[in-house]
Amino acid sequence: MPILLVFALVAACLPIDWPVPPFAPERETAAALTGGSVALVLALAFGLRTWVVVTLRRDPDRRIEVAQAYGRCRRLLFFVNIGAVAACVLSFGWGWLVRSQLQVQWNGESQLAPFAEFAVPLPYFVVLVGCWVIYYDAERALYHALHVGRRVFWPRHAYLLHNARQFLLMVLLPVGLVVTQQTLTRFAPETTRTDLYRAASLAVVPAMLLFMPLLLKPLLGLQTMPPGATRAHLEALAQRLNFRCTDFLLWPTHGAAVNALIAGLMPRVRYVVFTDRILEDLPQDELDAVLGHEIGHAKHGHLWFYAAFLALSLSVLAALGLLVDQQLRASDALKRPEYEAWLKENETWLALPPVVLVACYLFVVFGALSRRCERQADVFGCKSVSCGNPTCTGHDAATVFPPGGNALCPTGIRTFARALERVGEVPPPAAPEPWTLRRVVREARVWARHWLHGPVPHRVAFLLSLIERPAAEPRFQRRVFTFKCGLMLILTLALVALGETVGWRDLLDVM
């Protein structure tokens, strides 16, 4: 969801001449329709919150059913929120109101105020914060119903701060870079045309990937994992797997999240993060497997590969867009008066298709790459808790684990599979059902939700299949290696061919 949201907000912040309101008076109409849309969405959220709280108060035994329904409704309301804000900007005149009213004088001309682009998706920000306030009661009721006897759910202000920190890091930061670039283009156009600025712009993404871990700790409120048996065990496992990092961090979520992640390309700026709940819920062997999974990303160089893939992909897409622009400008058909008039009238809207193209490309291509890398890390997670006996039936205190995580045994596979199911909170498997249109739609929705990692049941099924077919693991590794090499080769050849066609200087100018 965060990536989809980033592209939606970037599209809203583009320098587009948004349509005027459907009827006069324009300013009052835009404000009234936008305010009404925001109020309607918040009313739907309040209705969902009320249903959850009242239902659990009357019948706590329905907690599983209510939790599943609440999750489905929240995902649906996410798209309702996006659709409502899109209607405000495109149909109700909010985008026009922002761009027509937030103007300043600069060098004798009227310009959009600095960073005023953030005001275009302002209705979404209002809805988002309002939903956080509203959903708090539902989240607290569900937590107490599902985790009887556990710690008290965190206070409202801490819950709001937790959500705001994640939104700032994963959504507002990349959108802010786009808005900053547009502000500089308006108020310092000569600076943005220099080679130094272009080089700095190209270096922003690699620099963020390199130094982002340093921002994680203050932005997300992470803490150094306290000394103890758990930390000592994790450090010993990291040493056995020849893995180095700066620190192991604890993410206090008051039990709201069960997750772990790795951040950082270099060992000196690399952190492994565990939420408080994953440390509480998982036994030590499964926690070791989760750490092995995160180490697997580093061992296979996934973060470096992602950085190279994104840099090459964005360069290829920029070259492709430039090629289309050059071909259109050279076309005799577009020099006809009617086409010239249409282009002049809709010129600003031409900034929207590239954003949609990049979003679709990442969803399809990067999604396919990420899912394969995730399974590769899954296998390494199994190896990290595997002994050297390919037919073992269990581990005990006397079990010897080989250094480097080079073995794969049935117990290690089952251990990580259990951990994956706990982290993914997978319900018990249902009875198989025939393929119907309803099942196809449900499966497609599940794959769309898990486009980066793949559905947990499918990942678990793949791992368990390796117990009966151990020879499938090296074949899988070869297929992933071939896929990654082929993808990078295709992107490199495409960039060279497009660069020679459009001109490298022109390509550098548009990047």
Protein backbone atom coordinates (compact mmCIF):
# COMPACT_ATOMS: atom_id res chain seq x y z
CA MET A 1 0.00 0.00 0.00
CA PRO A 2 2.70 2.61 0.78
CA ILE A 3 4.14 2.43 -2.76
CA LEU A 4 0.69 2.82 -4.32
CA LEU A 5 0.05 5.76 -2.01
CA VAL A 6 3.39 7.38 -2.89
CA PHE A 7 2.56 7.34 -6.60
CA ALA A 8 -0.97 8.62 -5.98
CA LEU A 9 0.37 11.56 -3.96
CA VAL A 10 3.12 12.26 -6.49
CA ALA A 11 0.46 12.38 -9.23
CA ALA A 12 -1.56 14.86 -7.14
CA CYS A 13 1.51 17.07 -6.71
CA LEU A 14 2.32 17.28 -10.43
CA PRO A 15 2.12 20.73 -12.12
CA ILE A 16 -1.21 20.01 -13.80
CA ASP A 17 -3.95 22.51 -14.66
CA TRP A 18 -6.66 20.79 -12.66
CA PRO A 19 -10.30 21.25 -13.81
CA VAL A 20 -12.44 24.02 -12.38
CA PRO A 21 -15.43 23.13 -10.16
CA PRO A 22 -18.59 21.93 -11.92
CA PHE A 23 -20.57 25.09 -11.17
CA ALA A 24 -20.25 28.60 -9.69
CA PRO A 25 -19.29 30.09 -7.32
CA GLU A 26 -16.10 28.19 -7.93
CA ARG A 27 -14.20 28.68 -4.67
CA GLU A 28 -17.18 28.00 -2.43
CA THR A 29 -18.19 24.98 -4.53
CA ALA A 30 -14.72 23.42 -4.39
CA ALA A 31 -14.45 23.94 -0.64
CA ALA A 32 -17.96 22.66 0.09
CA LEU A 33 -17.75 19.53 -2.09
CA THR A 34 -14.28 18.68 -0.79
CA GLY A 35 -15.32 19.17 2.84
CA GLY A 36 -18.42 17.05 2.28
CA SER A 37 -16.36 14.24 0.74
CA VAL A 38 -13.93 14.26 3.67
CA ALA A 39 -16.79 14.20 6.15
CA LEU A 40 -18.44 11.28 4.34
CA VAL A 41 -15.27 9.18 4.38
CA LEU A 42 -14.70 9.90 8.06
CA ALA A 43 -18.31 8.95 8.78
CA LEU A 44 -17.74 5.56 7.11
CA ALA A 45 -14.63 5.05 9.24
CA PHE A 46 -16.55 5.97 12.38
CA GLY A 47 -19.28 3.50 11.45
CA LEU A 48 -16.70 0.71 11.10
CA ARG A 49 -15.11 1.66 14.43
CA THR A 50 -18.49 1.67 16.18
CA TRP A 51 -19.42 -1.75 14.77
CA VAL A 52 -16.15 -3.29 15.97
CA VAL A 53 -16.37 -1.83 19.49
CA VAL A 54 -20.07 -2.64 20.00
CA THR A 55 -19.81 -6.16 18.56
CA LEU A 56 -16.83 -7.12 20.72
CA ARG A 57 -18.49 -5.67 23.81
CA ARG A 58 -21.61 -7.75 23.22
CA ASP A 59 -19.97 -10.96 22.00
CA PRO A 60 -16.20 -11.26 22.61
CA ASP A 61 -16.20 -14.78 21.15
CA ARG A 62 -16.62 -13.26 17.67
CA ARG A 63 -13.18 -11.65 17.90
CA ILE A 64 -11.66 -13.66 15.03
CA GLU A 65 -14.59 -12.95 12.72
CA VAL A 66 -14.61 -9.27 13.68
CA ALA A 67 -10.83 -8.95 13.19
CA GLN A 68 -11.01 -10.43 9.69
CA ALA A 69 -13.98 -8.27 8.71
CA TYR A 70 -12.27 -5.19 10.13
CA GLY A 71 -9.13 -5.88 8.09
CA ARG A 72 -11.14 -6.30 4.88
CA CYS A 73 -13.15 -3.12 5.49
CA ARG A 74 -10.05 -1.08 6.28
CA ARG A 75 -8.40 -2.18 3.04
CA LEU A 76 -11.57 -1.29 1.15
CA LEU A 77 -11.79 2.10 2.84
CA PHE A 78 -8.18 2.80 1.83
CA PHE A 79 -9.27 2.72 -1.82
CA VAL A 80 -12.42 4.66 -0.96
CA ASN A 81 -10.21 7.36 0.57
CA ILE A 82 -8.01 7.49 -2.54
CA GLY A 83 -11.07 7.61 -4.80
CA ALA A 84 -12.72 10.37 -2.76
CA VAL A 85 -9.59 12.54 -2.84
CA ALA A 86 -9.20 11.90 -6.59
CA ALA A 87 -12.80 13.08 -7.07
CA CYS A 88 -12.03 16.21 -5.01
CA VAL A 89 -9.01 17.07 -7.16
CA LEU A 90 -10.35 16.03 -10.56
CA SER A 91 -14.08 16.77 -10.36
CA PHE A 92 -14.86 19.01 -7.41
CA GLY A 93 -12.22 21.65 -8.13
CA TRP A 94 -9.92 21.28 -5.11
CA GLY A 95 -6.80 21.02 -7.26
CA TRP A 96 -7.84 24.12 -9.20
CA LEU A 97 -8.56 25.99 -5.93
CA VAL A 98 -5.09 25.26 -4.54
CA ARG A 99 -3.25 26.24 -7.71
CA SER A 100 -5.30 29.37 -8.25
CA GLN A 101 -5.20 30.68 -4.68
CA LEU A 102 -1.78 29.73 -3.32
CA GLN A 103 0.15 32.13 -5.54
CA VAL A 104 3.06 34.47 -4.76
CA GLN A 105 4.87 37.10 -6.79
CA TRP A 106 8.39 36.15 -7.89
CA ASN A 107 10.48 38.14 -10.37
CA GLY A 108 7.40 40.02 -11.50
CA GLU A 109 5.40 36.86 -12.19
CA SER A 110 2.75 34.97 -10.27
CA GLN A 111 4.05 31.58 -9.15
CA LEU A 112 2.67 28.75 -7.07
CA ALA A 113 3.91 29.21 -3.51
CA PRO A 114 6.87 27.09 -2.35
CA PHE A 115 5.81 23.56 -1.43
CA ALA A 116 2.17 24.43 -2.11
CA GLU A 117 1.85 21.12 -3.97
CA PHE A 118 1.33 19.49 -0.58
CA ALA A 119 -2.01 21.31 -0.35
CA VAL A 120 -3.43 19.42 -3.35
CA PRO A 121 -3.62 16.07 -1.48
CA LEU A 122 -4.49 17.90 1.76
CA PRO A 123 -7.95 16.22 1.90
CA TYR A 124 -6.20 12.86 2.07
CA PHE A 125 -3.97 14.00 4.92
CA VAL A 126 -7.06 15.18 6.84
CA VAL A 127 -8.82 11.86 6.21
CA LEU A 128 -5.70 9.91 7.18
CA VAL A 129 -5.21 11.63 10.54
CA GLY A 130 -8.94 11.53 11.22
CA CYS A 131 -9.00 7.78 10.55
CA TRP A 132 -6.08 7.24 12.90
CA VAL A 133 -8.01 8.99 15.66
CA ILE A 134 -11.20 7.06 14.87
CA TYR A 135 -9.65 3.62 14.40
CA TYR A 136 -7.75 3.78 17.69
CA ASP A 137 -10.76 2.58 19.68
CA ALA A 138 -11.34 -0.32 17.28
CA GLU A 139 -7.66 -1.31 17.34
CA ARG A 140 -7.59 -1.22 21.14
CA ALA A 141 -10.77 -3.30 21.45
CA LEU A 142 -9.43 -5.90 19.01
CA TYR A 143 -6.06 -6.06 20.76
CA HIS A 144 -7.62 -6.67 24.17
CA ALA A 145 -9.99 -9.28 22.71
CA LEU A 146 -7.27 -11.16 20.83
CA HIS A 147 -4.53 -10.88 23.47
CA VAL A 148 -6.25 -11.44 26.79
CA GLY A 149 -3.88 -10.91 29.70
CA ARG A 150 -1.20 -9.24 27.57
CA ARG A 151 0.16 -5.74 28.08
CA VAL A 152 -2.17 -2.75 27.94
CA PHE A 153 -2.64 -1.23 24.50
CA TRP A 154 -0.67 1.95 24.07
CA PRO A 155 -2.15 5.43 24.68
CA ARG A 156 -3.84 7.32 21.88
CA HIS A 157 -1.05 9.87 21.48
CA ALA A 158 1.57 7.10 21.21
CA TYR A 159 -0.56 5.27 18.64
CA LEU A 160 -0.89 8.46 16.56
CA LEU A 161 2.83 9.15 16.81
CA HIS A 162 3.64 5.58 15.71
CA ASN A 163 1.49 5.92 12.58
CA ALA A 164 2.77 9.42 11.83
CA ARG A 165 6.39 8.28 12.01
CA GLN A 166 5.83 5.46 9.53
CA PHE A 167 3.90 7.73 7.17
CA LEU A 168 6.63 10.36 7.32
CA LEU A 169 9.39 7.89 6.52
CA MET A 170 7.75 5.68 3.90
CA VAL A 171 5.42 8.16 2.14
CA LEU A 172 6.07 11.83 2.84
CA LEU A 173 9.85 11.61 2.44
CA PRO A 174 9.83 10.43 -1.22
CA VAL A 175 6.90 12.72 -2.07
CA GLY A 176 8.75 15.60 -0.43
CA LEU A 177 11.73 15.05 -2.72
CA VAL A 178 9.47 15.44 -5.76
CA VAL A 179 7.83 18.58 -4.34
CA THR A 180 11.23 20.06 -3.48
CA GLN A 181 12.45 19.49 -7.03
CA GLN A 182 9.38 21.25 -8.45
CA THR A 183 9.80 24.18 -6.06
CA LEU A 184 13.44 24.60 -7.08
CA THR A 185 12.45 24.43 -10.75
CA ARG A 186 10.02 27.33 -10.24
CA PHE A 187 12.16 29.59 -8.07
CA ALA A 188 15.71 28.69 -9.14
CA PRO A 189 15.43 27.48 -12.76
CA GLU A 190 19.02 28.36 -13.62
CA THR A 191 20.32 26.22 -10.77
CA THR A 192 18.30 23.20 -11.85
CA ARG A 193 19.85 23.36 -15.33
CA THR A 194 23.44 22.99 -14.11
CA ASP A 195 25.34 19.74 -14.40
CA LEU A 196 26.10 19.84 -10.66
CA TYR A 197 22.39 19.90 -9.81
CA ARG A 198 21.66 17.05 -12.22
CA ALA A 199 24.48 14.99 -10.73
CA ALA A 200 23.18 15.70 -7.24
CA SER A 201 19.67 14.70 -8.29
CA LEU A 202 20.94 11.38 -9.61
CA ALA A 203 22.86 10.81 -6.37
CA VAL A 204 19.86 11.41 -4.09
CA VAL A 205 18.41 7.89 -4.37
CA PRO A 206 21.73 6.04 -3.80
CA ALA A 207 22.54 8.39 -0.91
CA MET A 208 19.14 7.73 0.66
CA LEU A 209 19.60 3.98 0.34
CA LEU A 210 23.06 4.25 1.91
CA PHE A 211 22.25 6.58 4.81
CA MET A 212 18.56 5.89 5.42
CA PRO A 213 19.35 3.47 8.28
CA LEU A 214 20.78 6.42 10.23
CA LEU A 215 17.36 8.09 10.06
CA LEU A 216 15.40 5.00 11.05
CA LYS A 217 16.33 5.15 14.71
CA PRO A 218 15.13 8.71 15.44
CA LEU A 219 12.21 8.70 12.99
CA LEU A 220 10.69 5.41 14.14
CA GLY A 221 11.70 5.71 17.78
CA LEU A 222 13.89 2.59 17.68
CA GLN A 223 15.93 1.54 20.69
CA THR A 224 19.05 -0.54 21.09
CA MET A 225 18.04 -4.07 22.07
CA PRO A 226 18.87 -4.43 25.76
CA PRO A 227 21.52 -6.94 26.85
CA GLY A 228 20.23 -10.36 27.77
CA ALA A 229 19.87 -13.93 26.65
CA THR A 230 17.91 -13.06 23.49
CA ARG A 231 20.43 -10.52 22.23
CA ALA A 232 23.38 -12.78 23.09
CA HIS A 233 21.76 -15.64 21.18
CA LEU A 234 21.14 -13.44 18.11
CA GLU A 235 24.70 -12.13 18.18
CA ALA A 236 26.06 -15.69 18.36
CA LEU A 237 23.94 -16.69 15.37
CA ALA A 238 25.12 -13.66 13.38
CA GLN A 239 28.72 -14.59 14.17
CA ARG A 240 28.15 -18.20 13.08
CA LEU A 241 26.65 -16.95 9.79
CA ASN A 242 29.56 -14.48 9.26
CA PHE A 243 27.18 -11.51 9.33
CA ARG A 244 28.10 -8.04 10.56
CA CYS A 245 25.83 -5.13 11.43
CA THR A 246 25.99 -1.97 13.49
CA ASP A 247 23.37 -2.94 16.05
CA PHE A 248 20.26 -4.95 16.84
CA LEU A 249 17.35 -2.57 17.41
CA LEU A 250 14.03 -2.91 19.21
CA TRP A 251 10.94 -1.29 17.68
CA PRO A 252 8.43 -0.55 20.48
CA THR A 253 4.92 -1.02 19.05
CA HIS A 254 3.06 -2.04 22.24
CA GLY A 255 2.34 -5.37 20.60
CA ALA A 256 0.73 -3.83 17.50
CA ALA A 257 3.17 -5.32 14.98
CA VAL A 258 5.00 -8.64 14.63
CA ASN A 259 7.81 -8.03 12.17
CA ALA A 260 11.55 -7.84 11.55
CA LEU A 261 13.59 -6.04 8.91
CA ILE A 262 17.12 -5.29 7.81
CA ALA A 263 18.23 -1.84 6.68
CA GLY A 264 21.56 -0.71 5.28
CA LEU A 265 23.91 -1.59 2.45
CA MET A 266 27.16 -1.40 4.41
CA PRO A 267 27.94 -3.23 7.68
CA ARG A 268 28.85 0.07 9.38
CA VAL A 269 25.39 1.52 8.65
CA ARG A 270 23.37 -1.69 8.81
CA TYR A 271 20.73 -2.48 11.42
CA VAL A 272 18.50 -5.45 12.13
CA VAL A 273 15.19 -4.39 13.66
CA PHE A 274 12.76 -6.52 15.67
CA THR A 275 9.39 -5.37 16.95
CA ASP A 276 8.61 -5.98 20.61
CA ARG A 277 5.85 -8.43 19.79
CA ILE A 278 7.98 -10.71 17.60
CA LEU A 279 10.46 -11.02 20.46
CA GLU A 280 7.61 -11.95 22.81
CA ASP A 281 5.65 -14.31 20.54
CA LEU A 282 8.35 -16.40 18.88
CA PRO A 283 10.40 -19.09 20.64
CA GLN A 284 14.16 -18.78 20.31
CA ASP A 285 14.59 -21.27 17.44
CA GLU A 286 11.96 -19.49 15.33
CA LEU A 287 13.46 -16.10 16.20
CA ASP A 288 16.81 -17.43 14.98
CA ALA A 289 15.16 -18.44 11.72
CA VAL A 290 13.69 -14.94 11.30
CA LEU A 291 17.12 -13.41 11.81
CA GLY A 292 18.47 -15.91 9.29
CA HIS A 293 15.89 -14.69 6.79
CA GLU A 294 17.01 -11.07 7.24
CA ILE A 295 20.66 -12.10 6.98
CA GLY A 296 19.75 -13.95 3.79
CA HIS A 297 18.86 -10.64 2.16
CA ALA A 298 22.37 -9.38 2.93
CA LYS A 299 24.12 -12.62 1.96
CA HIS A 300 22.44 -12.67 -1.45
CA GLY A 301 23.09 -8.95 -1.99
CA HIS A 302 19.41 -8.13 -2.42
CA LEU A 303 19.64 -4.55 -1.19
CA TRP A 304 22.53 -3.79 -3.57
CA PHE A 305 20.67 -5.48 -6.40
CA TYR A 306 17.51 -3.47 -5.69
CA ALA A 307 19.51 -0.23 -5.79
CA ALA A 308 21.09 -1.13 -9.14
CA PHE A 309 17.76 -2.33 -10.53
CA LEU A 310 15.95 0.89 -9.58
CA ALA A 311 18.73 3.10 -10.95
CA LEU A 312 18.81 1.24 -14.28
CA SER A 313 15.03 1.01 -14.52
CA LEU A 314 14.41 4.71 -13.90
CA SER A 315 17.11 5.59 -16.45
CA VAL A 316 15.55 3.28 -19.05
CA LEU A 317 12.07 4.67 -18.42
CA ALA A 318 13.38 8.24 -18.68
CA ALA A 319 15.09 7.40 -21.99
CA LEU A 320 11.93 5.72 -23.24
CA GLY A 321 9.86 8.78 -22.36
CA LEU A 322 12.36 11.04 -24.11
CA LEU A 323 12.27 8.85 -27.22
CA VAL A 324 8.47 9.04 -27.35
CA ASP A 325 8.63 12.83 -26.92
CA GLN A 326 11.19 13.18 -29.73
CA GLN A 327 9.15 11.01 -32.07
CA LEU A 328 5.97 12.94 -31.35
CA ARG A 329 7.65 16.30 -31.91
CA ALA A 330 9.09 15.05 -35.22
CA SER A 331 5.75 13.71 -36.40
CA ASP A 332 4.11 15.68 -39.19
CA ALA A 333 0.66 14.66 -37.95
CA LEU A 334 1.12 16.57 -34.71
CA LYS A 335 1.99 19.74 -36.62
CA ARG A 336 -1.58 20.05 -37.86
CA PRO A 337 -3.41 23.01 -36.25
CA GLU A 338 -5.99 20.90 -34.42
CA TYR A 339 -3.33 18.72 -32.80
CA GLU A 340 -1.18 21.70 -31.88
CA ALA A 341 -4.19 23.32 -30.21
CA TRP A 342 -4.97 20.11 -28.31
CA LEU A 343 -1.37 19.76 -27.12
CA LYS A 344 -1.26 23.36 -25.99
CA GLU A 345 -4.48 22.95 -24.04
CA ASN A 346 -3.51 19.64 -22.39
CA GLU A 347 0.27 20.04 -22.13
CA THR A 348 0.40 19.85 -18.34
CA TRP A 349 -1.54 16.56 -18.32
CA LEU A 350 1.31 14.87 -20.20
CA ALA A 351 3.19 14.69 -16.87
CA LEU A 352 0.69 12.12 -15.58
CA PRO A 353 1.26 9.11 -17.93
CA PRO A 354 4.94 8.67 -16.94
CA VAL A 355 3.96 8.39 -13.26
CA VAL A 356 1.34 5.75 -14.10
CA LEU A 357 3.86 3.91 -16.30
CA VAL A 358 6.50 3.81 -13.53
CA ALA A 359 3.92 2.59 -11.00
CA CYS A 360 2.75 -0.22 -13.29
CA TYR A 361 6.33 -1.18 -14.16
CA LEU A 362 7.36 -1.45 -10.51
CA PHE A 363 4.23 -3.40 -9.64
CA VAL A 364 4.89 -5.99 -12.35
CA VAL A 365 8.67 -6.19 -12.77
CA PHE A 366 9.94 -5.21 -9.34
CA GLY A 367 7.18 -7.30 -7.77
CA ALA A 368 8.37 -10.38 -9.68
CA LEU A 369 11.97 -9.69 -8.64
CA SER A 370 11.11 -9.04 -5.00
CA ARG A 371 9.05 -12.21 -4.62
CA ARG A 372 11.93 -14.33 -5.90
CA CYS A 373 14.40 -12.62 -3.60
CA GLU A 374 12.03 -13.11 -0.68
CA ARG A 375 11.90 -16.85 -1.31
CA GLN A 376 15.69 -16.87 -1.56
CA ALA A 377 15.86 -15.25 1.88
CA ASP A 378 13.28 -17.78 3.13
CA VAL A 379 15.57 -20.63 2.11
CA PHE A 380 18.51 -19.01 3.88
CA GLY A 381 16.33 -18.62 6.96
CA CYS A 382 15.80 -22.39 6.88
CA LYS A 383 19.52 -23.01 6.43
CA SER A 384 20.41 -20.77 9.37
CA VAL A 385 18.68 -23.19 11.78
CA SER A 386 19.52 -26.43 9.92
CA CYS A 387 21.99 -29.10 10.96
CA GLY A 388 24.14 -31.17 8.63
CA ASN A 389 21.80 -34.19 8.68
CA PRO A 390 19.41 -34.09 5.67
CA THR A 391 17.11 -36.65 7.35
CA CYS A 392 17.07 -35.29 10.92
CA THR A 393 13.87 -35.50 12.94
CA GLY A 394 14.58 -32.82 15.53
CA HIS A 395 17.21 -30.68 17.22
CA ASP A 396 18.34 -30.67 20.83
CA ALA A 397 20.96 -28.96 22.95
CA ALA A 398 23.68 -31.24 21.56
CA THR A 399 22.91 -30.44 17.89
CA VAL A 400 25.85 -28.93 16.01
CA PHE A 401 25.01 -26.33 13.36
CA PRO A 402 27.51 -25.85 10.53
CA PRO A 403 29.05 -22.39 10.17
CA GLY A 404 27.94 -20.15 7.33
CA GLY A 405 24.45 -21.63 7.03
CA ASN A 406 25.34 -24.06 4.25
CA ALA A 407 23.14 -27.01 5.26
CA LEU A 408 19.42 -27.65 4.83
CA CYS A 409 17.49 -30.12 6.96
CA PRO A 410 13.77 -30.91 7.52
CA THR A 411 13.78 -29.51 11.05
CA GLY A 412 15.25 -26.19 9.92
CA ILE A 413 12.65 -25.94 7.16
CA ARG A 414 9.77 -26.66 9.55
CA THR A 415 11.14 -24.20 12.10
CA PHE A 416 11.23 -21.30 9.67
CA ALA A 417 7.85 -22.30 8.20
CA ARG A 418 6.29 -22.05 11.67
CA ALA A 419 7.92 -18.67 12.23
CA LEU A 420 6.66 -17.42 8.88
CA GLU A 421 3.12 -18.49 9.72
CA ARG A 422 3.30 -16.71 13.09
CA VAL A 423 4.66 -13.52 11.56
CA GLY A 424 2.09 -13.63 8.75
CA GLU A 425 -0.66 -14.57 11.25
CA VAL A 426 -1.87 -17.25 8.86
CA PRO A 427 -5.20 -18.88 9.84
CA PRO A 428 -5.53 -22.69 9.81
CA PRO A 429 -5.76 -24.07 6.24
CA ALA A 430 -9.30 -24.37 4.93
CA ALA A 431 -10.67 -27.30 3.00
CA PRO A 432 -9.79 -27.13 -0.72
CA GLU A 433 -12.51 -25.72 -2.93
CA PRO A 434 -13.02 -25.90 -6.70
CA TRP A 435 -11.86 -23.08 -8.94
CA THR A 436 -14.75 -20.66 -9.36
CA LEU A 437 -14.90 -17.04 -10.39
CA ARG A 438 -15.14 -16.05 -6.74
CA ARG A 439 -12.00 -18.00 -5.87
CA VAL A 440 -10.11 -16.51 -8.82
CA VAL A 441 -11.04 -12.99 -7.68
CA ARG A 442 -10.04 -13.78 -4.10
CA GLU A 443 -6.69 -15.25 -5.16
CA ALA A 444 -5.99 -12.25 -7.39
CA ARG A 445 -6.77 -9.91 -4.50
CA VAL A 446 -4.45 -11.85 -2.20
CA TRP A 447 -1.59 -11.74 -4.73
CA ALA A 448 -2.16 -8.00 -5.27
CA ARG A 449 -1.92 -7.41 -1.50
CA HIS A 450 1.29 -9.45 -1.26
CA TRP A 451 2.84 -8.35 -4.54
CA LEU A 452 6.23 -7.69 -2.92
CA HIS A 453 6.63 -10.85 -0.82
CA GLY A 454 4.07 -13.31 -2.08
CA PRO A 455 1.28 -14.87 0.03
CA VAL A 456 2.61 -16.60 3.15
CA PRO A 457 0.78 -19.92 2.49
CA HIS A 458 2.46 -20.19 -0.92
CA ARG A 459 5.88 -19.45 0.58
CA VAL A 460 5.34 -22.04 3.31
CA ALA A 461 4.17 -24.66 0.80
CA PHE A 462 7.30 -24.08 -1.31
CA LEU A 463 9.60 -24.52 1.68
CA LEU A 464 7.87 -27.68 2.90
CA SER A 465 8.13 -29.14 -0.60
CA LEU A 466 11.93 -28.99 -0.25
CA ILE A 467 11.77 -31.67 2.46
CA GLU A 468 10.65 -34.26 -0.07
CA ARG A 469 12.58 -32.75 -2.98
CA PRO A 470 15.91 -31.42 -1.64
CA ALA A 471 17.34 -31.31 -5.18
CA ALA A 472 14.81 -28.58 -6.01
CA GLU A 473 16.67 -26.05 -3.84
CA PRO A 474 19.81 -25.70 -6.02
CA ARG A 475 17.60 -25.61 -9.13
CA PHE A 476 15.61 -22.79 -7.55
CA GLN A 477 18.81 -20.87 -6.77
CA ARG A 478 19.97 -21.24 -10.37
CA ARG A 479 16.63 -20.01 -11.70
CA VAL A 480 16.72 -16.93 -9.47
CA PHE A 481 20.33 -16.22 -10.48
CA THR A 482 19.42 -16.55 -14.17
CA PHE A 483 16.38 -14.29 -13.72
CA LYS A 484 18.41 -11.55 -12.01
CA CYS A 485 21.26 -11.69 -14.53
CA GLY A 486 18.84 -11.69 -17.46
CA LEU A 487 16.91 -8.76 -16.03
CA MET A 488 20.02 -6.65 -15.51
CA LEU A 489 21.35 -7.56 -18.96
CA ILE A 490 18.08 -6.54 -20.63
CA LEU A 491 17.98 -3.23 -18.74
CA THR A 492 21.63 -2.47 -19.56
CA LEU A 493 21.22 -3.21 -23.26
CA ALA A 494 17.98 -1.20 -23.36
CA LEU A 495 19.69 1.79 -21.72
CA VAL A 496 22.63 1.67 -24.14
CA ALA A 497 20.34 1.39 -27.18
CA LEU A 498 18.01 4.16 -26.01
CA GLY A 499 20.90 6.39 -24.96
CA GLU A 500 22.47 6.13 -28.40
CA THR A 501 19.12 6.84 -30.02
CA VAL A 502 17.99 9.87 -28.02
CA GLY A 503 21.46 11.24 -27.24
CA TRP A 504 23.20 10.90 -23.90
CA ARG A 505 23.30 14.64 -23.27
CA ASP A 506 19.56 15.00 -23.85
CA LEU A 507 18.96 12.01 -21.58
CA LEU A 508 21.03 13.56 -18.80
CA ASP A 509 19.04 16.78 -19.16
CA VAL A 510 15.72 15.08 -18.46
CA MET A 511 16.92 13.01 -15.49
